[in-house]
C-alpha atoms as a PDB file:
ATOM      1  CA  MET A   1       1.473 -14.908  49.984  1.00  0.00           C
ATOM      2  CA  SER A   2       2.251 -11.458  48.654  1.00  0.00           C
ATOM      3  CA  ILE A   3       4.332 -10.937  45.559  1.00  0.00           C
ATOM      4  CA  SER A   4       7.925  -9.914  46.254  1.00  0.00           C
ATOM      5  CA  ASN A   5       9.368  -6.877  44.499  1.00  0.00           C
ATOM      6  CA  ASN A   6      11.866  -9.176  42.790  1.00  0.00           C
ATOM      7  CA  ASP A   7       8.976 -11.286  41.481  1.00  0.00           C
ATOM      8  CA  ILE A   8       7.267  -8.123  40.226  1.00  0.00           C
ATOM      9  CA  LEU A   9      10.444  -7.152  38.330  1.00  0.00           C
ATOM     10  CA  ILE A  10      10.660 -10.646  36.835  1.00  0.00           C
ATOM     11  CA  ARG A  11       7.008 -10.515  35.731  1.00  0.00           C
ATOM     12  CA  VAL A  12       7.241  -6.983  34.283  1.00  0.00           C
ATOM     13  CA  ARG A  13      10.412  -7.889  32.410  1.00  0.00           C
ATOM     14  CA  TYR A  14       8.824 -11.038  31.000  1.00  0.00           C
ATOM     15  CA  ALA A  15       5.459  -9.437  30.148  1.00  0.00           C
ATOM     16  CA  LEU A  16       7.035  -6.514  28.305  1.00  0.00           C
ATOM     17  CA  ASP A  17      10.077  -8.421  26.985  1.00  0.00           C
ATOM     18  CA  ILE A  18      12.626  -5.974  28.440  1.00  0.00           C
ATOM     19  CA  LYS A  19      16.304  -6.750  27.816  1.00  0.00           C
ATOM     20  CA  GLU A  20      18.831  -6.714  30.689  1.00  0.00           C
ATOM     21  CA  THR A  21      20.698  -3.802  29.095  1.00  0.00           C
ATOM     22  CA  ASP A  22      17.435  -1.850  28.901  1.00  0.00           C
ATOM     23  CA  MET A  23      16.753  -2.650  32.562  1.00  0.00           C
ATOM     24  CA  VAL A  24      20.135  -1.141  33.521  1.00  0.00           C
ATOM     25  CA  GLU A  25      19.172   1.974  31.519  1.00  0.00           C
ATOM     26  CA  ILE A  26      15.671   2.084  33.092  1.00  0.00           C
ATOM     27  CA  PHE A  27      17.104   1.921  36.626  1.00  0.00           C
ATOM     28  CA  LYS A  28      19.518   4.728  35.673  1.00  0.00           C
ATOM     29  CA  LEU A  29      16.638   6.869  34.357  1.00  0.00           C
ATOM     30  CA  GLY A  30      14.941   6.259  37.712  1.00  0.00           C
ATOM     31  CA  GLY A  31      18.024   7.470  39.581  1.00  0.00           C
ATOM     32  CA  ILE A  32      19.671   4.178  40.555  1.00  0.00           C
ATOM     33  CA  GLU A  33      22.969   2.902  39.138  1.00  0.00           C
ATOM     34  CA  VAL A  34      23.037  -0.872  38.642  1.00  0.00           C
ATOM     35  CA  THR A  35      25.111  -3.200  36.495  1.00  0.00           C
ATOM     36  CA  ARG A  36      23.869  -6.032  34.277  1.00  0.00           C
ATOM     37  CA  GLU A  37      25.150  -8.382  36.974  1.00  0.00           C
ATOM     38  CA  ASP A  38      23.032  -6.562  39.581  1.00  0.00           C
ATOM     39  CA  VAL A  39      19.990  -6.891  37.314  1.00  0.00           C
ATOM     40  CA  ARG A  40      20.661 -10.617  36.906  1.00  0.00           C
ATOM     41  CA  LYS A  41      20.829 -10.978  40.701  1.00  0.00           C
ATOM     42  CA  MET A  42      17.483  -9.190  41.050  1.00  0.00           C
ATOM     43  CA  LEU A  43      15.917 -11.473  38.450  1.00  0.00           C
ATOM     44  CA  VAL A  44      16.786 -14.735  40.217  1.00  0.00           C
ATOM     45  CA  LYS A  45      13.610 -16.763  40.562  1.00  0.00           C
ATOM     46  CA  LEU A  46      13.405 -18.411  43.958  1.00  0.00           C
ATOM     47  CA  LYS A  47      12.511 -22.085  43.687  1.00  0.00           C
ATOM     48  CA  ASN A  48       9.852 -21.982  46.380  1.00  0.00           C
ATOM     49  CA  ASN A  49       8.233 -19.417  48.596  1.00  0.00           C
ATOM     50  CA  ASP A  50       9.739 -20.833  51.787  1.00  0.00           C
ATOM     51  CA  HIS A  51      12.645 -18.397  51.533  1.00  0.00           C
ATOM     52  CA  ASN A  52      12.357 -15.721  54.136  1.00  0.00           C
ATOM     53  CA  GLU A  53      13.948 -12.274  54.098  1.00  0.00           C
ATOM     54  CA  ALA A  54      16.986 -13.519  56.063  1.00  0.00           C
ATOM     55  CA  ASP A  55      17.747 -16.208  53.451  1.00  0.00           C
ATOM     56  CA  ILE A  56      17.689 -13.590  50.703  1.00  0.00           C
ATOM     57  CA  ALA A  57      19.840 -11.152  52.690  1.00  0.00           C
ATOM     58  CA  GLU A  58      22.515 -13.817  53.235  1.00  0.00           C
ATOM     59  CA  ASN A  59      22.590 -14.993  49.612  1.00  0.00           C
ATOM     60  CA  ASP A  60      25.238 -13.230  47.494  1.00  0.00           C
ATOM     61  CA  ASP A  61      23.587 -14.462  44.277  1.00  0.00           C
ATOM     62  CA  ILE A  62      20.428 -12.457  44.964  1.00  0.00           C
ATOM     63  CA  ILE A  63      19.898  -8.725  45.295  1.00  0.00           C
ATOM     64  CA  LYS A  64      16.674  -7.947  47.125  1.00  0.00           C
ATOM     65  CA  CYS A  65      14.691  -5.282  45.308  1.00  0.00           C
ATOM     66  CA  ASN A  66      13.332  -2.932  47.971  1.00  0.00           C
ATOM     67  CA  ASN A  67      10.347  -0.587  47.515  1.00  0.00           C
ATOM     68  CA  ASN A  68      12.590   2.363  46.672  1.00  0.00           C
ATOM     69  CA  MET A  69      14.397   0.372  43.956  1.00  0.00           C
ATOM     70  CA  LEU A  70      11.117  -0.881  42.485  1.00  0.00           C
ATOM     71  CA  GLU A  71       9.599   2.605  42.408  1.00  0.00           C
ATOM     72  CA  SER A  72      12.796   4.000  40.847  1.00  0.00           C
ATOM     73  CA  PHE A  73      12.592   1.278  38.190  1.00  0.00           C
ATOM     74  CA  LEU A  74       8.943   2.116  37.450  1.00  0.00           C
ATOM     75  CA  ASN A  75       9.708   5.863  37.315  1.00  0.00           C
ATOM     76  CA  GLY A  76      12.616   5.110  34.976  1.00  0.00           C
ATOM     77  CA  PHE A  77      10.344   2.917  32.848  1.00  0.00           C
ATOM     78  CA  ILE A  78       7.966   5.847  32.354  1.00  0.00           C
ATOM     79  CA  VAL A  79      10.881   8.011  31.125  1.00  0.00           C
ATOM     80  CA  PHE A  80      12.180   5.083  29.005  1.00  0.00           C
ATOM     81  CA  LYS A  81       8.806   4.645  27.267  1.00  0.00           C
ATOM     82  CA  ARG A  82       7.550   8.241  27.101  1.00  0.00           C
ATOM     83  CA  GLY A  83      10.666  10.414  27.227  1.00  0.00           C
ATOM     84  CA  LYS A  84      11.877  12.845  29.866  1.00  0.00           C
ATOM     85  CA  GLN A  85       9.318  15.436  30.884  1.00  0.00           C
ATOM     86  CA  ASP A  86      10.468  18.950  31.563  1.00  0.00           C
ATOM     87  CA  SER A  87       9.653  19.772  35.158  1.00  0.00           C
ATOM     88  CA  LYS A  88       7.223  22.619  35.544  1.00  0.00           C
ATOM     89  CA  PRO A  89       8.307  25.647  37.606  1.00  0.00           C
ATOM     90  CA  GLY A  90       7.948  24.898  41.298  1.00  0.00           C
ATOM     91  CA  GLN A  91       7.903  21.134  40.745  1.00  0.00           C
ATOM     92  CA  PRO A  92      10.757  18.947  42.001  1.00  0.00           C
ATOM     93  CA  ASP A  93      12.982  17.452  39.287  1.00  0.00           C
ATOM     94  CA  LYS A  94      12.505  13.990  40.688  1.00  0.00           C
ATOM     95  CA  PRO A  95       9.113  12.708  41.824  1.00  0.00           C
ATOM     96  CA  ALA A  96       8.898  12.045  45.546  1.00  0.00           C
ATOM     97  CA  MET A  97       8.808   8.358  46.386  1.00  0.00           C
ATOM     98  CA  SER A  98       5.196   7.474  46.968  1.00  0.00           C
ATOM     99  CA  VAL A  99       5.392   3.932  48.362  1.00  0.00           C
ATOM    100  CA  LYS A 100       4.381   4.414  51.963  1.00  0.00           C
ATOM    101  CA  SER A 101       3.913   0.770  52.794  1.00  0.00           C
ATOM    102  CA  THR A 102       4.399  -2.646  51.278  1.00  0.00           C
ATOM    103  CA  GLU A 103       0.630  -2.812  50.802  1.00  0.00           C
ATOM    104  CA  SER A 104       0.636   0.146  48.403  1.00  0.00           C
ATOM    105  CA  VAL A 105       3.210  -1.435  46.038  1.00  0.00           C
ATOM    106  CA  ASN A 106       0.466  -3.118  43.981  1.00  0.00           C
ATOM    107  CA  ASN A 107      -1.338   0.208  43.501  1.00  0.00           C
ATOM    108  CA  LEU A 108       1.948   1.731  42.378  1.00  0.00           C
ATOM    109  CA  ILE A 109       2.458  -1.021  39.767  1.00  0.00           C
ATOM    110  CA  LEU A 110      -0.961  -0.319  38.267  1.00  0.00           C
ATOM    111  CA  LYS A 111      -0.466   3.466  38.247  1.00  0.00           C
ATOM    112  CA  LYS A 112       3.088   3.573  36.921  1.00  0.00           C
ATOM    113  CA  LEU A 113       2.570   0.923  34.222  1.00  0.00           C
ATOM    114  CA  LYS A 114      -0.657   2.666  33.167  1.00  0.00           C
ATOM    115  CA  ILE A 115       1.350   5.866  32.639  1.00  0.00           C
ATOM    116  CA  ALA A 116       4.381   4.207  31.014  1.00  0.00           C
ATOM    117  CA  LEU A 117       2.302   2.179  28.557  1.00  0.00           C
ATOM    118  CA  ALA A 118      -0.217   5.012  27.963  1.00  0.00           C
ATOM    119  CA  LEU A 119      -3.094   2.753  28.988  1.00  0.00           C
ATOM    120  CA  THR A 120      -6.616   4.004  29.571  1.00  0.00           C
ATOM    121  CA  SER A 121      -8.786   2.659  32.377  1.00  0.00           C
ATOM    122  CA  GLU A 122     -10.676   0.695  29.709  1.00  0.00           C
ATOM    123  CA  ASP A 123      -7.363  -0.838  28.555  1.00  0.00           C
ATOM    124  CA  ILE A 124      -6.630  -2.010  32.107  1.00  0.00           C
ATOM    125  CA  MET A 125     -10.147  -3.423  32.438  1.00  0.00           C
ATOM    126  CA  ASP A 126      -9.675  -5.267  29.100  1.00  0.00           C
ATOM    127  CA  ILE A 127      -6.256  -6.597  30.174  1.00  0.00           C
ATOM    128  CA  LEU A 128      -7.762  -7.976  33.395  1.00  0.00           C
ATOM    129  CA  GLU A 129     -10.806  -9.322  31.526  1.00  0.00           C
ATOM    130  CA  GLU A 130      -8.421 -11.176  29.188  1.00  0.00           C
ATOM    131  CA  VAL A 131      -7.259 -13.286  32.162  1.00  0.00           C
ATOM    132  CA  GLY A 132     -10.744 -13.746  33.594  1.00  0.00           C
ATOM    133  CA  VAL A 133     -10.863 -10.909  36.134  1.00  0.00           C
ATOM    134  CA  ARG A 134     -13.739  -8.438  36.048  1.00  0.00           C
ATOM    135  CA  ILE A 135     -13.359  -5.054  37.674  1.00  0.00           C
ATOM    136  CA  THR A 136     -15.732  -2.099  37.560  1.00  0.00           C
ATOM    137  CA  LYS A 137     -14.611   1.347  36.519  1.00  0.00           C
ATOM    138  CA  GLY A 138     -15.340   2.553  40.076  1.00  0.00           C
ATOM    139  CA  GLU A 139     -13.188  -0.191  41.634  1.00  0.00           C
ATOM    140  CA  LEU A 140     -10.330   0.574  39.240  1.00  0.00           C
ATOM    141  CA  SER A 141     -10.627   4.281  39.934  1.00  0.00           C
ATOM    142  CA  ALA A 142     -10.293   3.571  43.677  1.00  0.00           C
ATOM    143  CA  LEU A 143      -7.121   1.520  43.035  1.00  0.00           C
ATOM    144  CA  LEU A 144      -5.588   4.352  41.008  1.00  0.00           C
ATOM    145  CA  ARG A 145      -6.261   7.021  43.657  1.00  0.00           C
ATOM    146  CA  LYS A 146      -3.554   8.543  45.787  1.00  0.00           C
ATOM    147  CA  GLU A 147      -3.015   6.800  49.118  1.00  0.00           C
ATOM    148  CA  GLY A 148      -4.848   8.781  51.769  1.00  0.00           C
ATOM    149  CA  HIS A 149      -7.688   9.841  49.432  1.00  0.00           C
ATOM    150  CA  LYS A 150     -11.088   9.020  50.944  1.00  0.00           C
ATOM    151  CA  ASN A 151     -11.927   6.684  48.019  1.00  0.00           C
ATOM    152  CA  TYR A 152      -8.478   5.033  47.878  1.00  0.00           C
ATOM    153  CA  LYS A 153      -8.597   1.251  47.918  1.00  0.00           C
ATOM    154  CA  GLU A 154      -5.622  -1.038  48.401  1.00  0.00           C
ATOM    155  CA  CYS A 155      -4.859  -3.153  45.363  1.00  0.00           C
ATOM    156  CA  GLY A 156      -4.738  -6.797  46.333  1.00  0.00           C
ATOM    157  CA  ASP A 157      -2.212  -9.285  44.997  1.00  0.00           C
ATOM    158  CA  ARG A 158      -4.924 -10.913  42.890  1.00  0.00           C
ATOM    159  CA  TYR A 159      -5.372  -7.782  40.763  1.00  0.00           C
ATOM    160  CA  ALA A 160      -1.644  -7.054  40.576  1.00  0.00           C
ATOM    161  CA  ARG A 161      -0.732 -10.634  39.649  1.00  0.00           C
ATOM    162  CA  ASN A 162      -3.491 -10.856  37.044  1.00  0.00           C
ATOM    163  CA  PHE A 163      -2.658  -7.431  35.610  1.00  0.00           C
ATOM    164  CA  LEU A 164       0.951  -8.539  35.045  1.00  0.00           C
ATOM    165  CA  LYS A 165      -0.296 -11.843  33.596  1.00  0.00           C
ATOM    166  CA  GLY A 166      -2.670  -9.907  31.315  1.00  0.00           C
ATOM    167  CA  LEU A 167       0.171  -7.669  30.146  1.00  0.00           C
ATOM    168  CA  ALA A 168       2.104 -10.786  29.133  1.00  0.00           C
ATOM    169  CA  VAL A 169      -0.917 -11.989  27.135  1.00  0.00           C
ATOM    170  CA  LYS A 170      -1.317  -8.564  25.472  1.00  0.00           C
ATOM    171  CA  TYR A 171       2.337  -7.877  24.684  1.00  0.00           C
ATOM    172  CA  ARG A 172       3.703 -11.377  24.125  1.00  0.00           C
ATOM    173  CA  GLY A 173       0.601 -13.212  22.886  1.00  0.00           C
END
């Protein structure tokens, strides 16, 4: 069962202890206007995994976080943590959305959180090690590559889930 984008938001928020008001600001920095109420609706934890997409779409108490929203949040989180970067001449002001498929969302989480939290590859390896997951530098490098690169490797849910769990241990423990 893959992790939903809403679940990813919930886990990132918990791991890094982000307030709702900060989440509204982070979404705004990423180019999406949401209210605190919207954030609350994205952070609703579903009781079981039997809910399908149709159930979520019909429920007014839940806002489904799509790939674009999640990437905007992560982009905004980088700005929130590191400050706005001046765009270099010839570069677009806003980064192009890089999530091509649902499968690449986990890679995006690793990359964007690595940037936002100024983590080194060793830091990520230590965070995963903390929750009992060993990864080689080569494997990690493949997960951090751009989709389409010959050495790109899709990041499985196991790594993504454990990385978020490890962040909670590091930042809340």
